[in-house]
N, C-alpha and C. Protein backbone atom coordinates (compact mmCIF):
# COMPACT_ATOMS: atom_id res chain seq x y z
N MET A 1 75.01 92.17 142.77
CA MET A 1 74.92 92.96 141.62
C MET A 1 76.17 93.12 140.55
N SER A 2 77.33 92.85 141.35
CA SER A 2 78.56 92.86 140.84
C SER A 2 78.50 91.74 139.63
N ASN A 3 77.85 90.30 140.06
CA ASN A 3 77.64 89.14 139.47
C ASN A 3 76.74 89.63 138.31
N LEU A 4 75.85 90.40 138.29
CA LEU A 4 75.19 90.39 137.30
C LEU A 4 75.45 91.56 136.31
N THR A 5 76.09 92.37 136.65
CA THR A 5 76.95 93.40 135.40
C THR A 5 78.13 92.62 135.01
N SER A 6 78.72 91.47 135.60
CA SER A 6 79.98 91.05 134.90
C SER A 6 79.38 89.82 133.84
N SER A 7 77.74 89.42 134.32
CA SER A 7 77.48 88.68 133.20
C SER A 7 77.06 89.19 131.79
N MET A 8 76.25 90.46 132.44
CA MET A 8 75.97 91.18 131.34
C MET A 8 77.11 91.74 130.35
N LEU A 9 78.16 92.11 130.88
CA LEU A 9 79.55 92.45 130.23
C LEU A 9 79.93 91.22 129.37
N TYR A 10 80.24 90.11 130.09
CA TYR A 10 80.56 88.85 129.18
C TYR A 10 79.38 88.27 128.19
N PHE A 11 78.11 89.07 128.33
CA PHE A 11 77.26 88.83 127.15
C PHE A 11 77.45 89.52 125.97
N ILE A 12 77.98 90.87 126.15
CA ILE A 12 77.73 91.89 125.32
C ILE A 12 79.34 91.62 125.03
N PHE A 13 80.37 91.11 125.54
CA PHE A 13 81.51 90.69 124.64
C PHE A 13 81.46 89.69 123.91
N LEU A 14 80.49 88.38 124.20
CA LEU A 14 80.40 87.57 123.58
C LEU A 14 79.62 87.68 122.27
N SER A 15 78.83 88.33 122.28
CA SER A 15 77.83 89.07 120.95
C SER A 15 78.65 90.01 120.12
N LEU A 16 79.63 90.78 120.59
CA LEU A 16 80.56 91.28 119.82
C LEU A 16 81.33 90.60 119.28
N TYR A 17 81.95 89.45 120.05
CA TYR A 17 82.81 88.70 119.48
C TYR A 17 82.56 87.83 118.58
N TYR A 18 81.07 87.30 118.42
CA TYR A 18 80.65 86.12 117.43
C TYR A 18 80.04 86.92 116.18
N TYR A 19 79.17 88.32 116.73
CA TYR A 19 78.60 88.73 115.44
C TYR A 19 78.89 89.79 114.43
N LEU A 20 79.93 90.51 115.23
CA LEU A 20 80.62 91.72 114.65
C LEU A 20 81.59 91.33 113.49
N PRO A 21 82.46 90.14 114.07
CA PRO A 21 83.19 89.65 112.86
C PRO A 21 82.47 89.18 111.53
N ARG A 22 81.42 88.29 111.88
CA ARG A 22 80.44 87.93 111.00
C ARG A 22 79.88 89.10 110.03
N ALA A 23 79.24 89.80 110.52
CA ALA A 23 78.74 91.27 109.58
C ALA A 23 80.04 91.76 109.04
N ILE A 24 81.32 91.90 109.61
CA ILE A 24 82.15 92.32 108.77
C ILE A 24 82.71 91.58 107.57
N LEU A 25 82.71 90.30 107.82
CA LEU A 25 83.14 89.07 107.03
C LEU A 25 82.09 89.36 105.65
N VAL A 26 80.75 89.43 105.95
CA VAL A 26 79.41 89.14 105.16
C VAL A 26 79.72 90.65 104.15
N ARG A 27 80.31 91.39 104.79
CA ARG A 27 80.25 92.94 103.71
C ARG A 27 81.63 92.63 103.21
N THR A 28 82.67 92.14 103.68
CA THR A 28 84.14 91.75 102.56
C THR A 28 83.79 90.54 101.55
N THR A 29 83.07 89.77 101.63
CA THR A 29 82.75 88.74 100.92
C THR A 29 82.10 89.36 99.89
N ASN A 30 81.20 90.15 100.01
CA ASN A 30 80.11 90.96 98.87
C ASN A 30 81.13 91.72 98.26
N VAL A 31 82.19 92.24 98.57
CA VAL A 31 83.24 93.23 97.88
C VAL A 31 84.06 92.19 96.78
N ILE A 32 84.48 91.29 97.86
CA ILE A 32 85.67 89.97 97.13
C ILE A 32 84.51 89.49 95.96
N ASP A 33 83.51 89.16 96.23
CA ASP A 33 82.53 88.59 95.05
C ASP A 33 82.73 89.41 93.91
N SER A 34 82.46 90.63 94.23
CA SER A 34 81.98 91.46 92.76
C SER A 34 83.64 91.75 92.25
N LEU A 35 84.61 91.90 93.14
CA LEU A 35 86.11 91.71 92.69
C LEU A 35 86.43 90.61 91.37
N ILE A 36 85.89 89.31 92.32
CA ILE A 36 85.83 88.21 91.60
C ILE A 36 85.02 87.89 90.13
N ASN A 37 84.11 88.59 90.40
CA ASN A 37 83.42 88.31 89.12
C ASN A 37 83.91 89.13 88.11
N ALA A 38 84.58 90.46 88.20
CA ALA A 38 85.18 91.36 87.71
C ALA A 38 86.53 90.79 86.89
N ARG A 39 87.18 90.41 87.63
CA ARG A 39 88.71 89.54 87.83
C ARG A 39 88.95 88.09 87.18
N GLN A 40 87.90 87.56 86.81
CA GLN A 40 87.95 86.34 86.95
C GLN A 40 88.68 85.49 85.74
N SER A 41 88.13 86.56 84.68
CA SER A 41 88.81 85.96 83.61
C SER A 41 90.18 86.31 83.25
N ILE A 42 90.83 87.58 84.20
CA ILE A 42 92.08 87.60 83.90
C ILE A 42 92.55 87.00 84.63
N ALA A 43 92.01 86.27 85.82
CA ALA A 43 92.85 85.01 86.51
C ALA A 43 92.60 83.92 85.71
N LEU A 44 92.12 83.63 84.89
CA LEU A 44 91.77 82.37 83.97
C LEU A 44 92.86 82.43 82.97
N GLY A 45 93.15 83.57 82.36
CA GLY A 45 94.29 83.63 81.71
C GLY A 45 95.69 83.95 81.86
N LEU A 46 95.79 84.35 83.34
CA LEU A 46 96.94 84.19 84.15
C LEU A 46 97.33 82.68 84.36
N SER A 47 96.38 82.07 84.73
CA SER A 47 96.60 80.78 85.11
C SER A 47 96.73 79.87 83.89
N LEU A 48 96.34 79.74 82.92
CA LEU A 48 96.61 79.23 81.60
C LEU A 48 98.17 79.57 81.08
N ILE A 49 98.46 81.00 81.39
CA ILE A 49 99.87 81.29 81.00
C ILE A 49 100.72 80.70 82.05
N PHE A 50 100.37 80.57 83.49
CA PHE A 50 101.40 79.99 84.14
C PHE A 50 101.29 78.21 83.87
N VAL A 51 100.34 77.87 83.55
CA VAL A 51 100.23 76.36 83.45
C VAL A 51 101.09 76.05 81.99
N GLY A 52 100.79 77.18 81.02
CA GLY A 52 101.77 76.56 79.97
C GLY A 52 103.11 76.83 79.96
N VAL A 53 103.56 77.68 80.53
CA VAL A 53 105.01 78.38 81.16
C VAL A 53 105.38 76.50 81.77
N TYR A 54 104.59 76.40 82.83
CA TYR A 54 105.17 75.03 83.67
C TYR A 54 105.64 74.09 82.76
N LEU A 55 104.25 73.83 82.00
CA LEU A 55 104.50 72.42 80.88
C LEU A 55 105.63 72.61 80.07
N LEU A 56 105.73 73.93 79.13
CA LEU A 56 107.02 74.02 78.38
C LEU A 56 108.56 74.12 79.22
N GLN A 57 108.50 73.99 80.60
CA GLN A 57 109.56 73.83 81.24
C GLN A 57 110.02 72.31 81.27
N TYR A 58 108.60 71.74 81.65
CA TYR A 58 108.75 70.64 82.14
C TYR A 58 109.44 69.82 80.70
N VAL A 59 108.78 70.19 79.34
CA VAL A 59 109.19 69.46 78.36
C VAL A 59 110.41 69.98 78.14
N ALA A 60 110.85 70.86 78.29
CA ALA A 60 112.31 71.25 78.16
C ALA A 60 113.33 70.35 78.97
N LYS A 61 112.82 70.22 79.98
CA LYS A 61 113.92 69.46 80.85
C LYS A 61 113.92 67.96 80.68
N ARG A 62 112.62 67.41 80.37
CA ARG A 62 112.36 66.05 79.90
C ARG A 62 113.14 65.40 78.57
N PHE A 63 113.21 66.31 77.46
CA PHE A 63 113.78 66.32 76.21
C PHE A 63 114.25 67.04 75.88
N LYS A 64 116.01 66.78 76.21
CA LYS A 64 117.21 67.66 76.06
C LYS A 64 117.26 68.23 74.55
N LYS A 65 116.83 67.35 73.36
CA LYS A 65 116.88 67.68 72.27
C LYS A 65 116.04 68.23 71.62
N VAL A 66 115.35 69.31 71.79
CA VAL A 66 114.26 70.21 71.85
C VAL A 66 114.79 71.49 70.66
N ASN A 67 114.55 71.73 69.81
CA ASN A 67 114.88 72.71 68.83
C ASN A 67 114.57 74.17 69.69
N LEU A 68 115.60 75.01 69.96
CA LEU A 68 115.51 76.13 71.05
C LEU A 68 114.60 77.28 70.37
N SER A 69 114.96 77.62 68.72
CA SER A 69 113.84 78.37 68.34
C SER A 69 112.57 78.05 68.70
N LEU A 70 112.04 76.60 68.25
CA LEU A 70 110.43 76.47 68.28
C LEU A 70 109.90 76.67 69.95
N LEU A 71 111.11 75.96 71.12
CA LEU A 71 110.69 76.26 72.24
C LEU A 71 110.61 77.92 72.62
N LEU A 72 111.21 78.68 72.12
CA LEU A 72 111.36 80.15 72.48
C LEU A 72 109.78 80.62 71.93
N MET A 73 109.90 80.09 70.63
CA MET A 73 108.26 80.35 70.08
C MET A 73 106.91 79.82 70.71
N SER A 74 107.18 78.69 71.15
CA SER A 74 106.06 78.34 71.95
C SER A 74 105.79 79.03 73.24
N TYR A 75 107.10 79.30 73.78
CA TYR A 75 107.24 79.82 75.44
C TYR A 75 106.50 81.22 75.32
N TYR A 76 106.83 82.32 73.92
CA TYR A 76 106.24 83.36 74.14
C TYR A 76 104.58 83.26 73.18
N GLY A 77 104.24 82.11 72.81
CA GLY A 77 103.17 81.84 72.21
C GLY A 77 102.22 81.62 73.42
N VAL A 78 102.37 80.78 74.34
CA VAL A 78 101.90 80.74 75.45
C VAL A 78 101.37 82.15 76.07
N TYR A 79 102.56 82.89 76.05
CA TYR A 79 101.59 84.53 76.80
C TYR A 79 100.59 84.94 75.67
N VAL A 80 101.08 84.93 74.64
CA VAL A 80 100.16 85.53 73.57
C VAL A 80 98.62 84.75 73.42
N ILE A 81 98.87 83.49 73.70
CA ILE A 81 97.55 82.85 73.92
C ILE A 81 96.54 83.14 75.05
N GLY A 82 97.50 83.31 75.97
CA GLY A 82 97.02 83.43 77.02
C GLY A 82 95.98 85.02 77.39
N ALA A 83 96.78 85.91 76.89
CA ALA A 83 96.43 87.27 76.58
C ALA A 83 94.90 87.31 75.76
N ILE A 84 95.14 86.39 74.63
CA ILE A 84 93.85 86.42 73.91
C ILE A 84 92.71 85.39 74.36
N VAL A 85 93.03 84.39 75.13
CA VAL A 85 91.59 83.99 75.77
C VAL A 85 91.24 84.83 76.80
N THR A 86 92.19 85.79 77.67
CA THR A 86 91.64 86.53 78.61
C THR A 86 90.62 87.76 78.04
N PHE A 87 91.17 88.27 76.92
CA PHE A 87 90.45 89.44 76.15
C PHE A 87 89.16 88.91 75.63
N ILE A 88 89.01 87.37 75.11
CA ILE A 88 87.93 86.91 74.77
C ILE A 88 87.08 86.35 75.88
N VAL A 89 87.39 85.94 76.74
CA VAL A 89 86.40 86.09 78.04
C VAL A 89 86.03 87.39 78.49
N ILE A 90 86.83 88.13 78.82
CA ILE A 90 86.10 89.39 78.90
C ILE A 90 85.27 90.06 78.01
N GLY A 91 85.43 89.73 76.92
CA GLY A 91 84.51 90.27 75.73
C GLY A 91 83.13 89.65 75.69
N PHE A 92 83.13 88.23 76.48
CA PHE A 92 81.82 87.89 76.25
C PHE A 92 80.94 88.00 77.55
N LYS A 93 81.64 88.64 78.66
CA LYS A 93 80.91 89.17 80.00
C LYS A 93 80.70 90.23 79.71
């Protein structure tokens, strides 16, 4: 009898261990998917901004004789372009 109850408890524990996190994971992935659909365009714009800023910093380090005002205009221009692209993508959704 003790062996049977311990095996049943073990089976219950295993089923909870395997199936409960999976059910929780499915619900959280549904929530995350809806958040991703809403925020995907914002993430696209932010990634464009970060890539542009990184490329501008690379160009500024690589070529020392770059006009500083041009570099600053392009630096802020990257933010403006990223914001415009973000709003355009949000508008098309």
